[in-house]
Amino acid sequence: MISTTGTVCPHCGWPDGGEPFQVLSRHATATGRTEWTRCGCGSLQVRVVDGGGMRVISRGRPAARSGAACR
C-alpha cells in the first residue's frame, strides 16, 4: 500500500472526497473513525475522518483486469 497526502486517486485521477466510492467498513477511534473504502477504479483505501476532515492515509492499486491495463 502507498501512503498518500494527495487529494486525488493516483490511479484514476478521481477526487478523494468525490463519489463514487464504496465503504467496506467503518471503525470508531478516540478522535473520529477509520474507514476502509474502494475507489471507483477499484483501489482499496484507508481513510481517517476526524476533526481535521477526511484524508486517505494509505491505498493500494486497482486489481488487474483481464484484457485491460490499469491506468
Protein backbone atom coordinates (compact mmCIF):
# COMPACT_ATOMS: atom_id res chain seq x y z
CA MET A 1 0.00 0.00 0.00
CA ILE A 2 1.10 3.52 -0.79
CA SER A 3 0.95 6.30 1.78
CA THR A 4 -0.59 9.41 0.26
CA THR A 5 -1.32 13.01 1.11
CA GLY A 6 -2.73 13.91 -2.32
CA THR A 7 -6.29 14.93 -2.99
CA VAL A 8 -6.91 12.67 -6.00
CA CYS A 9 -6.51 8.96 -6.69
CA PRO A 10 -3.15 8.48 -8.44
CA HIS A 11 -4.62 5.57 -10.41
CA CYS A 12 -7.72 7.18 -11.94
CA GLY A 13 -7.48 10.89 -11.02
CA TRP A 14 -10.83 10.93 -9.21
CA PRO A 15 -11.01 13.35 -6.22
CA ASP A 16 -10.58 11.56 -2.88
CA GLY A 17 -13.64 13.33 -1.48
CA GLY A 18 -15.82 12.64 -4.53
CA GLU A 19 -18.23 9.85 -5.25
CA PRO A 20 -18.31 7.04 -6.22
CA PHE A 21 -16.53 5.11 -3.54
CA GLN A 22 -17.75 2.08 -1.65
CA VAL A 23 -17.43 1.98 2.14
CA LEU A 24 -16.31 -1.53 3.11
CA SER A 25 -16.10 -0.95 6.88
CA ARG A 26 -16.08 1.82 9.49
CA HIS A 27 -14.35 1.72 12.86
CA ALA A 28 -14.69 4.29 15.66
CA THR A 29 -11.47 5.70 17.11
CA ALA A 30 -10.79 8.01 20.04
CA THR A 31 -10.63 11.01 17.68
CA GLY A 32 -13.12 10.05 14.94
CA ARG A 33 -13.21 6.99 12.69
CA THR A 34 -11.22 4.91 10.25
CA GLU A 35 -12.89 3.78 7.02
CA TRP A 36 -11.82 1.12 4.54
CA THR A 37 -13.17 2.13 1.13
CA ARG A 38 -12.86 1.17 -2.52
CA CYS A 39 -12.44 3.90 -5.15
CA GLY A 40 -14.46 3.73 -8.36
CA CYS A 41 -11.34 2.37 -10.11
CA GLY A 42 -11.03 -0.47 -7.59
CA SER A 43 -8.20 0.94 -5.44
CA LEU A 44 -8.53 -0.09 -1.77
CA GLN A 45 -8.15 2.95 0.53
CA VAL A 46 -7.83 3.60 4.26
CA ARG A 47 -9.41 6.91 5.24
CA VAL A 48 -9.20 8.76 8.55
CA VAL A 49 -12.17 11.01 9.37
CA ASP A 50 -11.70 13.31 12.36
CA GLY A 51 -11.97 16.96 13.40
CA GLY A 52 -9.50 17.87 10.65
CA GLY A 53 -11.70 16.36 7.94
CA MET A 54 -11.15 13.30 5.75
CA ARG A 55 -7.83 12.12 4.37
CA VAL A 56 -6.67 8.99 2.61
CA ILE A 57 -3.67 7.66 4.54
CA SER A 58 -2.99 4.52 2.53
CA ARG A 59 -4.13 2.99 -0.75
CA GLY A 60 -3.48 0.01 -2.97
CA ARG A 61 -3.52 -0.37 -6.72
CA PRO A 62 -6.68 -1.41 -8.55
CA ALA A 63 -6.90 -5.13 -9.21
CA ALA A 64 -5.57 -6.10 -12.64
CA ARG A 65 -8.43 -6.67 -15.05
CA SER A 66 -8.09 -9.41 -17.60
CA GLY A 67 -7.61 -7.91 -21.04
CA ALA A 68 -7.40 -4.34 -19.75
CA ALA A 69 -4.46 -2.33 -18.49
CA CYS A 70 -4.59 -0.28 -15.29
CA ARG A 71 -4.44 3.46 -15.77
